[in-house]
N, C-alpha and C. Protein backbone atom coordinates (compact mmCIF):
# COMPACT_ATOMS: atom_id res chain seq x y z
N MET A 1 81.93 136.41 120.30
CA MET A 1 81.15 135.22 120.57
C MET A 1 81.82 134.49 121.72
N SER A 2 81.07 134.19 122.74
CA SER A 2 81.65 133.48 123.88
C SER A 2 81.17 132.03 123.89
N MET A 3 82.07 131.14 124.16
CA MET A 3 81.78 129.71 124.20
C MET A 3 81.90 129.24 125.64
N LYS A 4 80.96 128.42 126.07
CA LYS A 4 81.00 127.86 127.40
C LYS A 4 81.00 126.34 127.28
N LEU A 5 81.74 125.68 128.13
CA LEU A 5 81.77 124.23 128.15
C LEU A 5 80.95 123.75 129.31
N LYS A 6 80.04 122.85 129.02
CA LYS A 6 79.20 122.26 130.05
C LYS A 6 79.24 120.76 129.87
N ILE A 7 79.24 120.01 130.92
CA ILE A 7 79.23 118.55 130.84
C ILE A 7 77.79 118.11 131.04
N ASN A 8 77.28 117.33 130.05
CA ASN A 8 75.90 116.88 130.16
C ASN A 8 75.82 115.68 131.11
N GLY A 9 74.64 115.15 131.28
CA GLY A 9 74.40 114.07 132.24
C GLY A 9 75.15 112.79 131.93
N MET A 10 75.61 112.61 130.70
CA MET A 10 76.30 111.37 130.34
C MET A 10 77.81 111.57 130.32
N GLY A 11 78.30 112.70 130.82
CA GLY A 11 79.73 112.93 130.91
C GLY A 11 80.36 113.44 129.62
N ARG A 12 79.56 113.75 128.61
CA ARG A 12 80.10 114.26 127.36
C ARG A 12 80.12 115.78 127.38
N PRO A 13 81.10 116.39 126.72
CA PRO A 13 81.14 117.86 126.71
C PRO A 13 80.04 118.41 125.81
N LEU A 14 79.47 119.50 126.23
CA LEU A 14 78.42 120.17 125.48
C LEU A 14 78.81 121.63 125.38
N TRP A 15 79.07 122.11 124.16
CA TRP A 15 79.50 123.49 123.97
C TRP A 15 78.27 124.37 123.80
N LEU A 16 78.26 125.46 124.51
CA LEU A 16 77.15 126.40 124.43
C LEU A 16 77.67 127.72 123.89
N CYS A 17 76.92 128.33 123.02
CA CYS A 17 77.31 129.60 122.44
C CYS A 17 76.20 130.60 122.72
N ASP A 18 76.56 131.78 123.17
CA ASP A 18 75.56 132.79 123.53
C ASP A 18 74.88 133.42 122.32
N GLU A 19 75.56 133.48 121.19
CA GLU A 19 75.06 134.27 120.07
C GLU A 19 74.35 133.46 118.99
N LEU A 20 74.52 132.16 118.92
CA LEU A 20 73.90 131.36 117.87
C LEU A 20 72.55 130.82 118.33
N PRO A 21 71.55 130.81 117.44
CA PRO A 21 70.26 130.25 117.83
C PRO A 21 70.38 128.73 117.98
N PRO A 22 69.54 128.13 118.81
CA PRO A 22 69.61 126.68 118.98
C PRO A 22 69.15 125.95 117.72
N VAL A 23 69.72 124.78 117.48
CA VAL A 23 69.36 123.96 116.33
C VAL A 23 68.30 122.97 116.78
N GLU A 24 67.22 122.87 115.99
CA GLU A 24 66.17 121.92 116.34
C GLU A 24 66.66 120.50 116.08
N ARG A 25 66.44 119.64 117.01
CA ARG A 25 66.85 118.24 116.91
C ARG A 25 65.63 117.36 117.14
N PRO A 26 65.60 116.17 116.53
CA PRO A 26 64.45 115.29 116.73
C PRO A 26 64.30 114.87 118.19
N ASN A 27 65.41 114.69 118.89
CA ASN A 27 65.40 114.32 120.29
C ASN A 27 66.20 115.37 121.05
N PRO A 28 65.56 116.24 121.82
CA PRO A 28 66.28 117.33 122.44
C PRO A 28 67.37 116.88 123.42
N SER A 29 67.27 115.69 123.97
CA SER A 29 68.29 115.23 124.91
C SER A 29 69.53 114.70 124.19
N CYS A 30 69.46 114.57 122.88
CA CYS A 30 70.58 114.05 122.09
C CYS A 30 71.57 115.18 121.80
N ASN A 31 72.86 114.91 121.97
CA ASN A 31 73.88 115.92 121.71
C ASN A 31 74.55 115.70 120.36
N ALA A 32 73.96 114.88 119.49
CA ALA A 32 74.54 114.59 118.18
C ALA A 32 74.27 115.75 117.23
N PRO A 33 75.16 115.96 116.24
CA PRO A 33 74.91 117.02 115.27
C PRO A 33 73.71 116.68 114.40
N PRO A 34 73.02 117.68 113.86
CA PRO A 34 71.87 117.39 113.00
C PRO A 34 72.30 116.62 111.75
N LYS A 35 71.40 115.78 111.26
CA LYS A 35 71.71 114.96 110.08
C LYS A 35 71.76 115.82 108.83
N ALA A 36 72.72 115.52 107.97
CA ALA A 36 72.83 116.22 106.70
C ALA A 36 71.86 115.61 105.69
N ASN A 37 71.41 116.38 104.76
CA ASN A 37 70.52 115.89 103.72
C ASN A 37 71.38 115.36 102.57
N LEU A 38 71.67 114.07 102.60
CA LEU A 38 72.53 113.46 101.59
C LEU A 38 71.68 112.71 100.57
N THR A 39 72.08 112.79 99.32
CA THR A 39 71.39 112.02 98.29
C THR A 39 72.07 110.66 98.19
N LYS A 40 71.29 109.66 97.83
CA LYS A 40 71.83 108.31 97.72
C LYS A 40 72.70 108.18 96.48
N LEU A 41 73.77 107.43 96.62
CA LEU A 41 74.63 107.14 95.48
C LEU A 41 74.17 105.91 94.74
N ALA A 42 73.44 105.03 95.44
CA ALA A 42 72.95 103.81 94.82
C ALA A 42 71.63 103.41 95.48
N TYR A 43 70.81 102.70 94.71
CA TYR A 43 69.51 102.24 95.19
C TYR A 43 69.51 100.72 95.30
N ASP A 44 68.69 100.19 96.21
CA ASP A 44 68.47 98.75 96.20
C ASP A 44 67.37 98.46 95.19
N ILE A 45 67.03 97.19 95.02
CA ILE A 45 66.05 96.80 93.99
C ILE A 45 64.70 97.49 94.21
N LYS A 46 64.24 97.49 95.45
CA LYS A 46 62.92 98.06 95.75
C LYS A 46 62.90 99.57 95.49
N GLU A 47 63.94 100.28 95.89
CA GLU A 47 64.00 101.72 95.67
C GLU A 47 64.09 102.05 94.18
N ALA A 48 64.89 101.29 93.45
CA ALA A 48 65.00 101.52 92.00
C ALA A 48 63.66 101.28 91.31
N ALA A 49 62.94 100.25 91.75
CA ALA A 49 61.63 99.97 91.17
C ALA A 49 60.67 101.13 91.42
N THR A 50 60.71 101.69 92.61
CA THR A 50 59.84 102.83 92.93
C THR A 50 60.19 104.05 92.09
N VAL A 51 61.47 104.34 91.96
CA VAL A 51 61.91 105.49 91.18
C VAL A 51 61.54 105.33 89.71
N LEU A 52 61.72 104.14 89.19
CA LEU A 52 61.46 103.88 87.77
C LEU A 52 59.99 103.58 87.47
N GLY A 53 59.19 103.37 88.49
CA GLY A 53 57.76 103.09 88.28
C GLY A 53 57.51 101.72 87.69
N MET A 54 58.28 100.74 88.11
CA MET A 54 58.10 99.36 87.63
C MET A 54 58.21 98.41 88.81
N SER A 55 57.94 97.16 88.56
CA SER A 55 58.00 96.16 89.62
C SER A 55 59.44 95.76 89.90
N GLU A 56 59.65 95.15 91.06
CA GLU A 56 60.97 94.66 91.42
C GLU A 56 61.43 93.58 90.43
N LYS A 57 60.48 92.77 89.97
CA LYS A 57 60.81 91.72 89.00
C LYS A 57 61.30 92.33 87.69
N SER A 58 60.68 93.43 87.26
CA SER A 58 61.11 94.10 86.03
C SER A 58 62.51 94.69 86.18
N VAL A 59 62.82 95.22 87.36
CA VAL A 59 64.16 95.76 87.60
C VAL A 59 65.17 94.62 87.52
N ARG A 60 64.84 93.47 88.10
CA ARG A 60 65.74 92.31 88.03
C ARG A 60 65.93 91.85 86.57
N ARG A 61 64.86 91.94 85.77
CA ARG A 61 64.97 91.58 84.35
C ARG A 61 65.92 92.54 83.62
N GLN A 62 65.79 93.83 83.92
CA GLN A 62 66.66 94.82 83.28
C GLN A 62 68.12 94.61 83.68
N ILE A 63 68.35 94.17 84.91
CA ILE A 63 69.71 93.85 85.33
C ILE A 63 70.22 92.64 84.56
N ALA A 64 69.37 91.62 84.40
CA ALA A 64 69.76 90.42 83.66
C ALA A 64 70.05 90.74 82.19
N ARG A 65 69.29 91.69 81.62
CA ARG A 65 69.51 92.11 80.22
C ARG A 65 70.66 93.10 80.09
N GLN A 66 71.26 93.46 81.21
CA GLN A 66 72.38 94.40 81.30
C GLN A 66 71.99 95.81 80.87
N ASN A 67 70.72 96.15 81.04
CA ASN A 67 70.29 97.53 80.83
C ASN A 67 70.54 98.37 82.08
N LEU A 68 70.62 97.70 83.22
CA LEU A 68 70.98 98.34 84.48
C LEU A 68 72.19 97.60 85.05
N ARG A 69 73.14 98.37 85.57
CA ARG A 69 74.33 97.77 86.15
C ARG A 69 74.08 97.53 87.63
N ARG A 70 74.62 96.45 88.15
CA ARG A 70 74.46 96.18 89.57
C ARG A 70 75.82 96.10 90.25
N CYS A 71 75.84 96.52 91.48
CA CYS A 71 77.06 96.45 92.30
C CYS A 71 76.71 95.63 93.54
N ASN A 72 77.54 94.67 93.83
CA ASN A 72 77.34 93.88 95.04
C ASN A 72 78.27 94.41 96.12
N LYS A 73 77.71 95.10 97.06
CA LYS A 73 78.48 95.63 98.18
C LYS A 73 77.87 95.11 99.47
N PHE A 74 78.72 94.55 100.30
CA PHE A 74 78.31 94.08 101.62
C PHE A 74 77.16 93.08 101.53
N GLY A 75 77.18 92.24 100.49
CA GLY A 75 76.18 91.20 100.34
C GLY A 75 74.83 91.68 99.86
N ARG A 76 74.75 92.89 99.38
CA ARG A 76 73.47 93.43 98.90
C ARG A 76 73.64 93.95 97.48
N ILE A 77 72.58 93.87 96.71
CA ILE A 77 72.59 94.37 95.35
C ILE A 77 72.25 95.86 95.39
N ARG A 78 73.08 96.66 94.76
CA ARG A 78 72.85 98.10 94.64
C ARG A 78 72.95 98.49 93.18
N ILE A 79 72.13 99.46 92.79
CA ILE A 79 72.13 99.97 91.41
C ILE A 79 72.56 101.44 91.50
N PRO A 80 73.65 101.81 90.83
CA PRO A 80 74.12 103.19 90.91
C PRO A 80 73.06 104.19 90.45
N ARG A 81 72.97 105.32 91.14
CA ARG A 81 71.99 106.36 90.83
C ARG A 81 72.12 106.84 89.39
N LYS A 82 73.35 107.01 88.90
CA LYS A 82 73.56 107.47 87.53
C LYS A 82 72.93 106.51 86.52
N ASP A 83 73.06 105.20 86.78
CA ASP A 83 72.48 104.21 85.87
C ASP A 83 70.95 104.28 85.88
N VAL A 84 70.37 104.49 87.06
CA VAL A 84 68.91 104.62 87.16
C VAL A 84 68.45 105.86 86.40
N GLU A 85 69.16 106.97 86.57
CA GLU A 85 68.80 108.21 85.85
C GLU A 85 68.92 108.04 84.35
N THR A 86 70.01 107.41 83.90
CA THR A 86 70.22 107.18 82.45
C THR A 86 69.13 106.28 81.89
N PHE A 87 68.82 105.20 82.60
CA PHE A 87 67.77 104.28 82.15
C PHE A 87 66.44 105.02 82.06
N PHE A 88 66.13 105.85 83.06
CA PHE A 88 64.87 106.58 83.06
C PHE A 88 64.79 107.55 81.87
N GLU A 89 65.89 108.25 81.58
CA GLU A 89 65.90 109.20 80.46
C GLU A 89 65.72 108.49 79.13
N ARG A 90 66.38 107.33 78.97
CA ARG A 90 66.28 106.58 77.72
C ARG A 90 64.90 106.01 77.48
N HIS A 91 64.24 105.54 78.55
CA HIS A 91 62.98 104.83 78.39
C HIS A 91 61.75 105.62 78.77
N SER A 92 61.90 106.91 79.06
CA SER A 92 60.73 107.71 79.45
C SER A 92 60.02 108.32 78.25
N ALA A 93 60.64 108.32 77.10
CA ALA A 93 60.03 108.95 75.92
C ALA A 93 58.96 108.11 75.30
């Protein structure tokens, strides 16, 4: 496998490989690596409401009743994914 170094228009190095197929990128002029498919570790109120199939107000009530745990990070309320999954399993029957 041979590697070639090329400098793109913005002065950043761009490595080219003869044997690997090109990776599709949303913006072909971007030299950033493709985004990984990461799962969320925590949901905000709106996302938790969508996952659980209830209103945002109901999610806030469940937090107040301590059925869902909340984490305050960076000034935002987050609900851990494990807690959302546990709550869904308990109340889906």
